[in-house]
Amino acid sequence: MEKDQNIKEEKNNINQENPENKNLEDNKKTEEEEKSLTPEEKVAELEDKIARTFAEMENQRRRYEKEKDEAFEYGGFSFARESLNLIDNLERAKESLKNDESLKNSESLKKTLEHLEIINKDILSIFKKNNIEPINSINKKLDPNFHQAMMEIEDEQKEPGTIIQEIQKGFTMKDRLLRPALVGVSKKTEKKETNNANDKKNEENKEKKESK
């Protein structure tokens, strides 16, 4: 008995020193287990392996199809975003010309603005054909998914959080945001009752001093 135990320990030591021996033994065990399977069990095992392989292939095919569709749908996303600079620069050019005192009310200014507006419409038309649409903002409620509030403006006529100024136009491409619209939103006028009360009190004190 002691002799068998020593042989077993020696075998374990050899396996630890040489992992290849352990792998060979594991392979032998696997082969022995496979030999012990009945033909029906072997067929079932093969069927399971084939089913798993087909499932993995189908998942890979679906991933490939999704990546291909996204590349086709949004391949020009970065280019579209960069192209928005054209719209921005046209707007800046128009504002700069309108604010030029030497050109105000001149026929040259009128014609130049008309040409710039034609170019602006052409660009928007090209964008629309490629599913790039401007975001409607004015009089809409602030939506963090499409708008970025840059300032608050006191306005008693509008409900708080309503967009009343558009600083930079936002755009979407199909169902994706190209860039958010930069906007100004309304807020209630701050009450100045306390200040008015203090002013009234100061005025009364002043009158009392003058009467003395």
N, C-alpha and C. Protein backbone atom coordinates (compact mmCIF):
# COMPACT_ATOMS: atom_id res chain seq x y z
N MET A 1 0.83 -1.20 0.00
CA MET A 1 0.00 0.00 0.00
C MET A 1 0.87 1.26 0.00
N GLU A 2 1.87 1.23 0.87
CA GLU A 2 2.80 2.36 0.95
C GLU A 2 3.56 2.53 -0.35
N LYS A 3 3.84 1.38 -0.98
CA LYS A 3 4.57 1.41 -2.26
C LYS A 3 3.72 2.08 -3.33
N ASP A 4 2.41 1.76 -3.38
CA ASP A 4 1.50 2.38 -4.37
C ASP A 4 1.39 3.88 -4.15
N GLN A 5 1.36 4.27 -2.86
CA GLN A 5 1.26 5.70 -2.55
C GLN A 5 2.49 6.44 -3.03
N ASN A 6 3.66 5.83 -2.84
CA ASN A 6 4.91 6.46 -3.28
C ASN A 6 4.95 6.60 -4.80
N ILE A 7 4.44 5.56 -5.49
CA ILE A 7 4.41 5.61 -6.97
C ILE A 7 3.51 6.74 -7.45
N LYS A 8 2.36 6.89 -6.77
CA LYS A 8 1.41 7.93 -7.15
C LYS A 8 2.00 9.31 -6.93
N GLU A 9 2.69 9.51 -5.77
CA GLU A 9 3.30 10.80 -5.48
C GLU A 9 4.41 11.11 -6.47
N GLU A 10 5.19 10.08 -6.81
CA GLU A 10 6.28 10.28 -7.78
C GLU A 10 5.72 10.68 -9.14
N LYS A 11 4.58 10.07 -9.51
CA LYS A 11 3.95 10.38 -10.80
C LYS A 11 3.46 11.84 -10.81
N ASN A 12 2.87 12.28 -9.67
CA ASN A 12 2.39 13.66 -9.59
C ASN A 12 3.53 14.65 -9.69
N ASN A 13 4.67 14.30 -9.05
CA ASN A 13 5.85 15.18 -9.11
C ASN A 13 6.36 15.30 -10.53
N ILE A 14 6.34 14.18 -11.25
CA ILE A 14 6.81 14.19 -12.65
C ILE A 14 5.90 15.08 -13.49
N ASN A 15 4.58 14.99 -13.25
CA ASN A 15 3.61 15.80 -14.01
C ASN A 15 3.79 17.29 -13.73
N GLN A 16 4.09 17.60 -12.48
CA GLN A 16 4.29 19.01 -12.14
C GLN A 16 5.55 19.55 -12.79
N GLU A 17 6.60 18.72 -12.85
CA GLU A 17 7.84 19.16 -13.47
C GLU A 17 7.71 19.24 -14.99
N ASN A 18 6.91 18.36 -15.56
CA ASN A 18 6.76 18.34 -17.01
C ASN A 18 5.27 18.42 -17.37
N PRO A 19 4.72 19.64 -17.64
CA PRO A 19 3.30 19.80 -17.95
C PRO A 19 2.85 19.01 -19.18
N GLU A 20 3.79 18.74 -20.10
CA GLU A 20 3.42 18.01 -21.32
C GLU A 20 2.91 16.61 -20.98
N ASN A 21 3.52 16.01 -19.97
CA ASN A 21 3.07 14.68 -19.55
C ASN A 21 1.62 14.73 -19.05
N LYS A 22 1.32 15.83 -18.32
CA LYS A 22 -0.05 15.98 -17.81
C LYS A 22 -1.05 16.14 -18.95
N ASN A 23 -0.65 16.94 -19.97
CA ASN A 23 -1.54 17.14 -21.12
C ASN A 23 -1.79 15.84 -21.85
N LEU A 24 -0.74 15.02 -21.97
CA LEU A 24 -0.88 13.72 -22.64
C LEU A 24 -1.87 12.84 -21.87
N GLU A 25 -1.75 12.88 -20.56
CA GLU A 25 -2.64 12.06 -19.74
C GLU A 25 -4.09 12.54 -19.86
N ASP A 26 -4.25 13.90 -19.91
CA ASP A 26 -5.60 14.45 -20.05
C ASP A 26 -6.21 14.04 -21.39
N ASN A 27 -5.37 14.09 -22.44
CA ASN A 27 -5.86 13.68 -23.77
C ASN A 27 -6.26 12.21 -23.78
N LYS A 28 -5.47 11.39 -23.07
CA LYS A 28 -5.78 9.95 -23.00
C LYS A 28 -7.11 9.73 -22.28
N LYS A 29 -7.31 10.54 -21.20
CA LYS A 29 -8.57 10.42 -20.47
C LYS A 29 -9.75 10.78 -21.35
N THR A 30 -9.57 11.89 -22.13
CA THR A 30 -10.65 12.33 -23.04
C THR A 30 -10.95 11.25 -24.06
N GLU A 31 -9.89 10.65 -24.62
CA GLU A 31 -10.09 9.59 -25.60
C GLU A 31 -10.81 8.39 -24.98
N GLU A 32 -10.42 8.08 -23.74
CA GLU A 32 -11.07 6.95 -23.06
C GLU A 32 -12.54 7.24 -22.81
N GLU A 33 -12.85 8.53 -22.43
CA GLU A 33 -14.24 8.91 -22.19
C GLU A 33 -15.05 8.82 -23.47
N GLU A 34 -14.41 9.27 -24.61
CA GLU A 34 -15.11 9.21 -25.89
C GLU A 34 -15.38 7.77 -26.30
N LYS A 35 -14.40 6.89 -26.02
CA LYS A 35 -14.58 5.47 -26.36
C LYS A 35 -15.71 4.85 -25.56
N SER A 36 -15.91 5.40 -24.35
CA SER A 36 -16.95 4.82 -23.49
C SER A 36 -18.35 5.27 -23.88
N LEU A 37 -18.46 6.32 -24.78
CA LEU A 37 -19.78 6.81 -25.21
C LEU A 37 -20.42 5.83 -26.19
N THR A 38 -21.73 5.74 -26.12
CA THR A 38 -22.46 4.92 -27.08
C THR A 38 -22.57 5.67 -28.39
N PRO A 39 -22.84 4.98 -29.51
CA PRO A 39 -22.99 5.66 -30.81
C PRO A 39 -24.04 6.77 -30.75
N GLU A 40 -25.15 6.53 -30.04
CA GLU A 40 -26.20 7.56 -29.95
C GLU A 40 -25.69 8.80 -29.23
N GLU A 41 -24.89 8.59 -28.18
CA GLU A 41 -24.35 9.72 -27.43
C GLU A 41 -23.34 10.50 -28.27
N LYS A 42 -22.54 9.77 -29.06
CA LYS A 42 -21.59 10.44 -29.94
C LYS A 42 -22.29 11.29 -30.99
N VAL A 43 -23.39 10.75 -31.56
CA VAL A 43 -24.17 11.50 -32.55
C VAL A 43 -24.76 12.75 -31.91
N ALA A 44 -25.30 12.62 -30.71
CA ALA A 44 -25.89 13.76 -30.00
C ALA A 44 -24.84 14.83 -29.71
N GLU A 45 -23.63 14.37 -29.33
CA GLU A 45 -22.55 15.31 -29.04
C GLU A 45 -22.12 16.06 -30.30
N LEU A 46 -22.04 15.33 -31.42
CA LEU A 46 -21.68 15.96 -32.69
C LEU A 46 -22.74 16.96 -33.13
N GLU A 47 -24.01 16.56 -32.96
CA GLU A 47 -25.10 17.46 -33.32
C GLU A 47 -25.05 18.74 -32.51
N ASP A 48 -24.73 18.62 -31.22
CA ASP A 48 -24.62 19.79 -30.35
C ASP A 48 -23.49 20.71 -30.81
N LYS A 49 -22.34 20.11 -31.16
CA LYS A 49 -21.19 20.90 -31.62
C LYS A 49 -21.53 21.61 -32.93
N ILE A 50 -22.22 20.90 -33.84
CA ILE A 50 -22.58 21.50 -35.13
C ILE A 50 -23.57 22.65 -34.92
N ALA A 51 -24.54 22.44 -34.01
CA ALA A 51 -25.53 23.48 -33.73
C ALA A 51 -24.86 24.73 -33.17
N ARG A 52 -23.90 24.52 -32.25
CA ARG A 52 -23.18 25.65 -31.67
C ARG A 52 -22.38 26.40 -32.73
N THR A 53 -21.75 25.63 -33.63
CA THR A 53 -20.94 26.24 -34.69
C THR A 53 -21.81 27.08 -35.62
N PHE A 54 -22.98 26.54 -36.00
CA PHE A 54 -23.89 27.28 -36.87
C PHE A 54 -24.42 28.54 -36.18
N ALA A 55 -24.70 28.43 -34.87
CA ALA A 55 -25.19 29.59 -34.11
C ALA A 55 -24.15 30.70 -34.08
N GLU A 56 -22.89 30.30 -33.88
CA GLU A 56 -21.81 31.29 -33.86
C GLU A 56 -21.63 31.93 -35.23
N MET A 57 -21.72 31.12 -36.29
CA MET A 57 -21.62 31.65 -37.65
C MET A 57 -22.74 32.63 -37.95
N GLU A 58 -23.96 32.32 -37.47
CA GLU A 58 -25.11 33.20 -37.70
C GLU A 58 -24.94 34.52 -36.96
N ASN A 59 -24.41 34.46 -35.74
CA ASN A 59 -24.16 35.68 -34.97
C ASN A 59 -23.12 36.56 -35.67
N GLN A 60 -22.08 35.92 -36.20
CA GLN A 60 -21.05 36.67 -36.91
C GLN A 60 -21.62 37.31 -38.18
N ARG A 61 -22.50 36.58 -38.87
CA ARG A 61 -23.12 37.11 -40.09
C ARG A 61 -23.97 38.33 -39.77
N ARG A 62 -24.74 38.24 -38.67
CA ARG A 62 -25.60 39.36 -38.28
C ARG A 62 -24.77 40.58 -37.89
N ARG A 63 -23.66 40.35 -37.16
CA ARG A 63 -22.78 41.47 -36.80
C ARG A 63 -22.21 42.12 -38.04
N TYR A 64 -21.82 41.31 -39.00
CA TYR A 64 -21.25 41.83 -40.24
C TYR A 64 -22.30 42.65 -41.00
N GLU A 65 -23.53 42.14 -41.07
CA GLU A 65 -24.60 42.84 -41.77
C GLU A 65 -24.90 44.18 -41.10
N LYS A 66 -24.91 44.19 -39.77
CA LYS A 66 -25.18 45.42 -39.03
C LYS A 66 -24.08 46.45 -39.27
N GLU A 67 -22.81 46.00 -39.21
CA GLU A 67 -21.68 46.90 -39.44
C GLU A 67 -21.70 47.44 -40.87
N LYS A 68 -22.06 46.56 -41.82
CA LYS A 68 -22.12 46.97 -43.22
C LYS A 68 -23.21 48.03 -43.42
N ASP A 69 -24.38 47.80 -42.82
CA ASP A 69 -25.49 48.75 -42.95
C ASP A 69 -25.15 50.09 -42.32
N GLU A 70 -24.51 50.05 -41.14
CA GLU A 70 -24.14 51.30 -40.47
C GLU A 70 -23.10 52.07 -41.27
N ALA A 71 -22.16 51.33 -41.87
CA ALA A 71 -21.14 51.98 -42.70
C ALA A 71 -21.78 52.64 -43.91
N PHE A 72 -22.80 51.99 -44.48
CA PHE A 72 -23.49 52.54 -45.65
C PHE A 72 -24.35 53.74 -45.25
N GLU A 73 -25.05 53.61 -44.10
CA GLU A 73 -25.97 54.66 -43.67
C GLU A 73 -25.23 55.89 -43.16
N TYR A 74 -24.17 55.67 -42.37
CA TYR A 74 -23.53 56.78 -41.68
C TYR A 74 -22.04 56.93 -42.05
N GLY A 75 -21.68 56.41 -43.21
CA GLY A 75 -20.28 56.49 -43.63
C GLY A 75 -19.80 57.92 -43.78
N GLY A 76 -20.71 58.83 -44.16
CA GLY A 76 -20.34 60.24 -44.36
C GLY A 76 -20.64 61.11 -43.17
N PHE A 77 -20.79 60.51 -41.99
CA PHE A 77 -21.18 61.26 -40.80
C PHE A 77 -20.17 62.36 -40.46
N SER A 78 -18.90 62.01 -40.44
CA SER A 78 -17.86 63.00 -40.10
C SER A 78 -17.80 64.11 -41.15
N PHE A 79 -17.90 63.70 -42.42
CA PHE A 79 -17.87 64.70 -43.51
C PHE A 79 -19.06 65.64 -43.39
N ALA A 80 -20.24 65.08 -43.07
CA ALA A 80 -21.46 65.90 -42.93
C ALA A 80 -21.29 66.91 -41.81
N ARG A 81 -20.71 66.48 -40.69
CA ARG A 81 -20.52 67.38 -39.54
C ARG A 81 -19.58 68.52 -39.90
N GLU A 82 -18.50 68.20 -40.62
CA GLU A 82 -17.56 69.24 -41.04
C GLU A 82 -18.20 70.21 -42.02
N SER A 83 -19.12 69.69 -42.85
CA SER A 83 -19.77 70.53 -43.86
C SER A 83 -20.66 71.59 -43.25
N LEU A 84 -21.07 71.40 -42.01
CA LEU A 84 -21.92 72.38 -41.35
C LEU A 84 -21.21 73.72 -41.19
N ASN A 85 -19.89 73.70 -41.25
CA ASN A 85 -19.13 74.96 -41.17
C ASN A 85 -19.48 75.90 -42.31
N LEU A 86 -19.89 75.33 -43.46
CA LEU A 86 -20.28 76.17 -44.60
C LEU A 86 -21.48 77.04 -44.23
N ILE A 87 -22.48 76.41 -43.58
CA ILE A 87 -23.67 77.15 -43.15
C ILE A 87 -23.29 78.23 -42.14
N ASP A 88 -22.44 77.87 -41.18
CA ASP A 88 -22.03 78.82 -40.15
C ASP A 88 -21.32 80.03 -40.76
N ASN A 89 -20.39 79.76 -41.68
CA ASN A 89 -19.63 80.84 -42.30
C ASN A 89 -20.50 81.76 -43.15
N LEU A 90 -21.50 81.18 -43.81
CA LEU A 90 -22.43 82.01 -44.58
C LEU A 90 -23.23 82.94 -43.67
N GLU A 91 -23.68 82.41 -42.53
CA GLU A 91 -24.43 83.22 -41.58
C GLU A 91 -23.56 84.34 -41.02
N ARG A 92 -22.30 84.01 -40.72
CA ARG A 92 -21.39 85.04 -40.19
C ARG A 92 -21.14 86.13 -41.24
N ALA A 93 -20.99 85.70 -42.50
CA ALA A 93 -20.75 86.66 -43.58
C ALA A 93 -21.94 87.60 -43.73
N LYS A 94 -23.16 87.05 -43.65
CA LYS A 94 -24.37 87.87 -43.79
C LYS A 94 -24.47 88.89 -42.66
N GLU A 95 -24.21 88.44 -41.41
CA GLU A 95 -24.28 89.34 -40.26
C GLU A 95 -23.22 90.42 -40.34
N SER A 96 -22.02 90.04 -40.81
CA SER A 96 -20.94 91.01 -40.93
C SER A 96 -21.29 92.11 -41.94
N LEU A 97 -21.89 91.70 -43.06
CA LEU A 97 -22.28 92.66 -44.09
C LEU A 97 -23.41 93.57 -43.60
N LYS A 98 -24.36 92.99 -42.88
CA LYS A 98 -25.49 93.78 -42.37
C LYS A 98 -25.03 94.84 -41.37
N ASN A 99 -23.96 94.53 -40.63
CA ASN A 99 -23.47 95.45 -39.60
C ASN A 99 -22.42 96.44 -40.13
N ASP A 100 -22.11 96.34 -41.40
CA ASP A 100 -21.13 97.25 -42.01
C ASP A 100 -21.81 98.59 -42.32
N GLU A 101 -21.42 99.63 -41.60
CA GLU A 101 -22.07 100.93 -41.75
C GLU A 101 -21.94 101.49 -43.16
N SER A 102 -20.82 101.20 -43.82
CA SER A 102 -20.59 101.75 -45.17
C SER A 102 -21.47 101.10 -46.23
N LEU A 103 -22.07 99.95 -45.90
CA LEU A 103 -22.90 99.23 -46.87
C LEU A 103 -24.40 99.32 -46.59
N LYS A 104 -24.76 99.84 -45.41
CA LYS A 104 -26.17 99.84 -45.01
C LYS A 104 -27.05 100.55 -46.02
N ASN A 105 -28.19 99.90 -46.31
CA ASN A 105 -29.21 100.43 -47.22
C ASN A 105 -28.71 100.62 -48.65
N SER A 106 -27.57 99.99 -48.98
CA SER A 106 -27.06 100.12 -50.34
C SER A 106 -27.58 98.99 -51.22
N GLU A 107 -27.60 99.24 -52.52
CA GLU A 107 -28.04 98.23 -53.48
C GLU A 107 -27.05 97.07 -53.53
N SER A 108 -25.79 97.36 -53.34
CA SER A 108 -24.76 96.31 -53.35
C SER A 108 -24.99 95.32 -52.22
N LEU A 109 -25.32 95.83 -51.05
CA LEU A 109 -25.58 94.96 -49.90
C LEU A 109 -26.79 94.06 -50.17
N LYS A 110 -27.83 94.66 -50.73
CA LYS A 110 -29.04 93.91 -51.02
C LYS A 110 -28.77 92.75 -51.97
N LYS A 111 -28.03 93.01 -53.03
CA LYS A 111 -27.73 91.97 -54.03
C LYS A 111 -26.82 90.89 -53.44
N THR A 112 -25.84 91.31 -52.64
CA THR A 112 -24.91 90.35 -52.04
C THR A 112 -25.65 89.41 -51.10
N LEU A 113 -26.55 89.98 -50.29
CA LEU A 113 -27.33 89.15 -49.36
C LEU A 113 -28.23 88.18 -50.10
N GLU A 114 -28.78 88.63 -51.22
CA GLU A 114 -29.63 87.75 -52.04
C GLU A 114 -28.84 86.56 -52.57
N HIS A 115 -27.62 86.82 -53.03
CA HIS A 115 -26.76 85.74 -53.55
C HIS A 115 -26.38 84.77 -52.43
N LEU A 116 -26.04 85.32 -51.28
CA LEU A 116 -25.68 84.46 -50.15
C LEU A 116 -26.87 83.59 -49.71
N GLU A 117 -28.07 84.14 -49.78
CA GLU A 117 -29.27 83.39 -49.41
C GLU A 117 -29.53 82.25 -50.40
N ILE A 118 -29.26 82.49 -51.68
CA ILE A 118 -29.42 81.44 -52.70
C ILE A 118 -28.44 80.29 -52.43
N ILE A 119 -27.18 80.67 -52.11
CA ILE A 119 -26.17 79.65 -51.80
C ILE A 119 -26.58 78.85 -50.57
N ASN A 120 -27.09 79.57 -49.56
CA ASN A 120 -27.53 78.92 -48.32
C ASN A 120 -28.65 77.91 -48.59
N LYS A 121 -29.61 78.29 -49.41
CA LYS A 121 -30.72 77.39 -49.75
C LYS A 121 -30.24 76.18 -50.54
N ASP A 122 -29.28 76.39 -51.43
CA ASP A 122 -28.74 75.28 -52.21
C ASP A 122 -28.04 74.26 -51.31
N ILE A 123 -27.28 74.77 -50.35
CA ILE A 123 -26.57 73.87 -49.42
C ILE A 123 -27.58 73.07 -48.59
N LEU A 124 -28.61 73.75 -48.08
CA LEU A 124 -29.64 73.05 -47.30
C LEU A 124 -30.37 72.01 -48.13
N SER A 125 -30.57 72.32 -49.41
CA SER A 125 -31.24 71.37 -50.31
C SER A 125 -30.37 70.12 -50.51
N ILE A 126 -29.06 70.32 -50.67
CA ILE A 126 -28.14 69.19 -50.82
C ILE A 126 -28.12 68.37 -49.54
N PHE A 127 -28.10 69.07 -48.40
CA PHE A 127 -28.14 68.36 -47.11
C PHE A 127 -29.39 67.49 -47.01
N LYS A 128 -30.53 68.07 -47.38
CA LYS A 128 -31.80 67.35 -47.24
C LYS A 128 -31.81 66.08 -48.10
N LYS A 129 -31.25 66.15 -49.29
CA LYS A 129 -31.18 64.98 -50.17
C LYS A 129 -30.34 63.87 -49.54
N ASN A 130 -29.44 64.26 -48.64
CA ASN A 130 -28.59 63.29 -47.95
C ASN A 130 -29.03 63.07 -46.51
N ASN A 131 -30.32 63.36 -46.26
CA ASN A 131 -30.95 63.10 -44.95
C ASN A 131 -30.35 63.91 -43.80
N ILE A 132 -29.83 65.09 -44.13
CA ILE A 132 -29.32 66.00 -43.11
C ILE A 132 -30.34 67.12 -42.95
N GLU A 133 -30.94 67.19 -41.76
CA GLU A 133 -32.04 68.13 -41.54
C GLU A 133 -31.72 69.09 -40.39
N PRO A 134 -32.11 70.38 -40.54
CA PRO A 134 -31.94 71.31 -39.41
C PRO A 134 -32.94 71.01 -38.31
N ILE A 135 -32.56 71.30 -37.07
CA ILE A 135 -33.43 71.08 -35.92
C ILE A 135 -34.27 72.33 -35.70
N ASN A 136 -35.58 72.17 -35.63
CA ASN A 136 -36.47 73.29 -35.32
C ASN A 136 -36.40 73.57 -33.83
N SER A 137 -36.08 74.81 -33.49
CA SER A 137 -35.85 75.13 -32.07
C SER A 137 -36.76 76.21 -31.52
N ILE A 138 -36.96 77.30 -32.26
CA ILE A 138 -37.69 78.44 -31.74
C ILE A 138 -39.10 78.05 -31.30
N ASN A 139 -39.45 78.49 -30.08
CA ASN A 139 -40.76 78.23 -29.44
C ASN A 139 -40.96 76.76 -29.04
N LYS A 140 -39.90 75.97 -29.12
CA LYS A 140 -39.96 74.57 -28.67
C LYS A 140 -39.45 74.49 -27.23
N LYS A 141 -39.89 73.46 -26.51
CA LYS A 141 -39.36 73.22 -25.17
C LYS A 141 -37.93 72.68 -25.29
N LEU A 142 -37.09 73.07 -24.37
CA LEU A 142 -35.69 72.62 -24.39
C LEU A 142 -35.63 71.10 -24.26
N ASP A 143 -34.96 70.47 -25.22
CA ASP A 143 -34.77 69.02 -25.21
C ASP A 143 -33.27 68.74 -25.19
N PRO A 144 -32.74 68.21 -24.08
CA PRO A 144 -31.29 67.95 -23.98
C PRO A 144 -30.75 67.04 -25.08
N ASN A 145 -31.64 66.26 -25.72
CA ASN A 145 -31.19 65.38 -26.80
C ASN A 145 -30.86 66.15 -28.07
N PHE A 146 -31.42 67.37 -28.19
CA PHE A 146 -31.22 68.13 -29.43
C PHE A 146 -30.74 69.56 -29.19
N HIS A 147 -30.91 70.06 -27.99
CA HIS A 147 -30.57 71.46 -27.71
C HIS A 147 -29.56 71.57 -26.57
N GLN A 148 -28.77 72.66 -26.64
CA GLN A 148 -27.84 72.98 -25.56
C GLN A 148 -28.08 74.43 -25.15
N ALA A 149 -28.57 74.62 -23.93
CA ALA A 149 -28.88 75.97 -23.46
C ALA A 149 -27.59 76.73 -23.15
N MET A 150 -27.47 77.92 -23.74
CA MET A 150 -26.29 78.74 -23.54
C MET A 150 -26.57 79.94 -22.63
N MET A 151 -27.86 80.31 -22.53
CA MET A 151 -28.22 81.46 -21.70
C MET A 151 -29.69 81.39 -21.33
N GLU A 152 -30.06 82.14 -20.29
CA GLU A 152 -31.45 82.30 -19.89
C GLU A 152 -31.86 83.75 -20.10
N ILE A 153 -33.06 83.94 -20.65
CA ILE A 153 -33.55 85.29 -20.96
C ILE A 153 -34.89 85.49 -20.26
N GLU A 154 -35.02 86.57 -19.52
CA GLU A 154 -36.27 86.84 -18.83
C GLU A 154 -37.38 87.13 -19.83
N ASP A 155 -38.48 86.43 -19.68
CA ASP A 155 -39.61 86.60 -20.59
C ASP A 155 -40.88 86.14 -19.88
N GLU A 156 -41.78 87.10 -19.59
CA GLU A 156 -43.03 86.78 -18.90
C GLU A 156 -44.05 86.14 -19.84
N GLN A 157 -43.85 86.30 -21.14
CA GLN A 157 -44.83 85.79 -22.11
C GLN A 157 -44.67 84.29 -22.38
N LYS A 158 -43.47 83.78 -22.17
CA LYS A 158 -43.17 82.38 -22.50
C LYS A 158 -43.06 81.53 -21.23
N GLU A 159 -43.42 80.28 -21.37
CA GLU A 159 -43.25 79.34 -20.27
C GLU A 159 -41.76 79.09 -20.04
N PRO A 160 -41.31 79.03 -18.79
CA PRO A 160 -39.87 78.78 -18.53
C PRO A 160 -39.38 77.53 -19.25
N GLY A 161 -38.18 77.65 -19.83
CA GLY A 161 -37.61 76.51 -20.56
C GLY A 161 -37.96 76.50 -22.03
N THR A 162 -38.67 77.54 -22.50
CA THR A 162 -39.01 77.64 -23.92
C THR A 162 -37.87 78.32 -24.67
N ILE A 163 -37.53 77.79 -25.83
CA ILE A 163 -36.44 78.36 -26.62
C ILE A 163 -36.92 79.62 -27.33
N ILE A 164 -36.27 80.74 -27.06
CA ILE A 164 -36.67 82.00 -27.69
C ILE A 164 -35.55 82.62 -28.52
N GLN A 165 -34.39 82.00 -28.49
CA GLN A 165 -33.27 82.50 -29.31
C GLN A 165 -32.42 81.33 -29.77
N GLU A 166 -32.01 81.37 -31.03
CA GLU A 166 -31.14 80.32 -31.59
C GLU A 166 -29.79 80.94 -31.92
N ILE A 167 -28.78 80.51 -31.19
CA ILE A 167 -27.43 81.06 -31.39
C ILE A 167 -26.72 80.35 -32.53
N GLN A 168 -26.86 79.03 -32.57
CA GLN A 168 -26.28 78.24 -33.67
C GLN A 168 -27.23 77.09 -33.99
N LYS A 169 -27.53 76.93 -35.27
CA LYS A 169 -28.50 75.92 -35.70
C LYS A 169 -27.92 74.51 -35.52
N GLY A 170 -28.78 73.61 -35.05
CA GLY A 170 -28.38 72.22 -34.90
C GLY A 170 -28.89 71.39 -36.07
N PHE A 171 -28.29 70.20 -36.26
CA PHE A 171 -28.67 69.34 -37.39
C PHE A 171 -28.68 67.87 -36.95
N THR A 172 -29.52 67.10 -37.62
CA THR A 172 -29.53 65.65 -37.45
C THR A 172 -29.25 64.99 -38.78
N MET A 173 -28.73 63.76 -38.73
CA MET A 173 -28.55 62.95 -39.93
C MET A 173 -29.30 61.65 -39.69
N LYS A 174 -30.45 61.53 -40.37
CA LYS A 174 -31.38 60.42 -40.13
C LYS A 174 -31.78 60.45 -38.66
N ASP A 175 -31.50 59.40 -37.91
CA ASP A 175 -31.92 59.38 -36.51
C ASP A 175 -30.79 59.74 -35.56
N ARG A 176 -29.69 60.28 -36.09
CA ARG A 176 -28.54 60.62 -35.25
C ARG A 176 -28.33 62.13 -35.19
N LEU A 177 -27.84 62.58 -34.04
CA LEU A 177 -27.56 64.00 -33.87
C LEU A 177 -26.19 64.33 -34.44
N LEU A 178 -26.17 65.26 -35.41
CA LEU A 178 -24.89 65.73 -35.94
C LEU A 178 -24.26 66.72 -34.97
N ARG A 179 -25.07 67.68 -34.54
CA ARG A 179 -24.64 68.61 -33.50
C ARG A 179 -25.88 69.24 -32.89
N PRO A 180 -25.84 69.58 -31.59
CA PRO A 180 -27.00 70.18 -30.94
C PRO A 180 -27.16 71.64 -31.33
N ALA A 181 -28.37 72.14 -31.24
CA ALA A 181 -28.61 73.57 -31.46
C ALA A 181 -28.23 74.32 -30.19
N LEU A 182 -27.49 75.41 -30.36
CA LEU A 182 -27.13 76.27 -29.22
C LEU A 182 -28.21 77.33 -29.08
N VAL A 183 -28.86 77.38 -27.92
CA VAL A 183 -30.06 78.22 -27.80
C VAL A 183 -30.07 79.02 -26.50
N GLY A 184 -30.98 80.01 -26.49
CA GLY A 184 -31.29 80.76 -25.29
C GLY A 184 -32.72 80.44 -24.88
N VAL A 185 -32.94 80.18 -23.60
CA VAL A 185 -34.27 79.77 -23.13
C VAL A 185 -34.86 80.83 -22.19
N SER A 186 -36.18 80.82 -22.13
CA SER A 186 -36.88 81.81 -21.30
C SER A 186 -36.86 81.42 -19.83
N LYS A 187 -36.96 82.46 -18.99
CA LYS A 187 -37.14 82.24 -17.55
C LYS A 187 -38.02 83.36 -17.01
N LYS A 188 -38.62 83.13 -15.87
CA LYS A 188 -39.49 84.13 -15.27
C LYS A 188 -38.67 85.34 -14.79
N THR A 189 -39.30 86.52 -14.89
CA THR A 189 -38.63 87.72 -14.40
C THR A 189 -38.48 87.65 -12.89
N GLU A 190 -37.28 87.94 -12.42
CA GLU A 190 -37.03 87.88 -10.98
C GLU A 190 -37.81 88.98 -10.26
N LYS A 191 -38.47 88.59 -9.18
CA LYS A 191 -39.27 89.55 -8.43
C LYS A 191 -38.36 90.52 -7.67
N LYS A 192 -38.76 91.81 -7.72
CA LYS A 192 -37.94 92.84 -7.08
C LYS A 192 -38.73 93.55 -5.99
N GLU A 193 -39.66 92.76 -5.37
CA GLU A 193 -40.50 93.35 -4.34
C GLU A 193 -39.67 93.83 -3.15
N THR A 194 -38.67 93.03 -2.77
CA THR A 194 -37.83 93.38 -1.61
C THR A 194 -37.09 94.68 -1.87
N ASN A 195 -36.52 94.79 -3.09
CA ASN A 195 -35.79 96.00 -3.44
C ASN A 195 -36.72 97.22 -3.45
N ASN A 196 -37.95 97.03 -3.97
CA ASN A 196 -38.90 98.14 -4.02
C ASN A 196 -39.29 98.59 -2.61
N ALA A 197 -39.45 97.60 -1.69
CA ALA A 197 -39.80 97.93 -0.31
C ALA A 197 -38.69 98.73 0.36
N ASN A 198 -37.44 98.31 0.08
CA ASN A 198 -36.30 99.02 0.65
C ASN A 198 -36.20 100.44 0.11
N ASP A 199 -36.46 100.57 -1.20
CA ASP A 199 -36.41 101.90 -1.82
C ASP A 199 -37.46 102.83 -1.22
N LYS A 200 -38.66 102.24 -0.97
CA LYS A 200 -39.74 103.02 -0.40
C LYS A 200 -39.40 103.49 1.02
N LYS A 201 -38.81 102.56 1.77
CA LYS A 201 -38.43 102.88 3.15
C LYS A 201 -37.36 103.97 3.18
N ASN A 202 -36.38 103.87 2.28
CA ASN A 202 -35.32 104.87 2.21
C ASN A 202 -35.90 106.23 1.83
N GLU A 203 -36.87 106.19 0.94
CA GLU A 203 -37.49 107.44 0.51
C GLU A 203 -38.24 108.10 1.66
N GLU A 204 -38.94 107.30 2.48
CA GLU A 204 -39.67 107.83 3.64
C GLU A 204 -38.71 108.43 4.66
N ASN A 205 -37.58 107.74 4.91
CA ASN A 205 -36.58 108.24 5.85
C ASN A 205 -36.00 109.57 5.37
N LYS A 206 -35.83 109.66 4.06
CA LYS A 206 -35.26 110.88 3.49
C LYS A 206 -36.22 112.05 3.67
N GLU A 207 -37.52 111.77 3.47
CA GLU A 207 -38.53 112.81 3.62
C GLU A 207 -38.60 113.29 5.06
N LYS A 208 -38.48 112.36 6.03
CA LYS A 208 -38.53 112.73 7.44
C LYS A 208 -37.36 113.64 7.81
N LYS A 209 -36.19 113.30 7.28
CA LYS A 209 -35.00 114.12 7.57
C LYS A 209 -35.17 115.52 7.01
N GLU A 210 -35.73 115.61 5.82
CA GLU A 210 -35.88 116.92 5.18
C GLU A 210 -36.93 117.76 5.92
N SER A 211 -37.97 117.09 6.47
CA SER A 211 -39.02 117.83 7.20
C SER A 211 -38.50 118.41 8.51
N LYS A 212 -37.49 117.76 9.10
CA LYS A 212 -36.90 118.27 10.34
C LYS A 212 -36.06 119.52 10.07
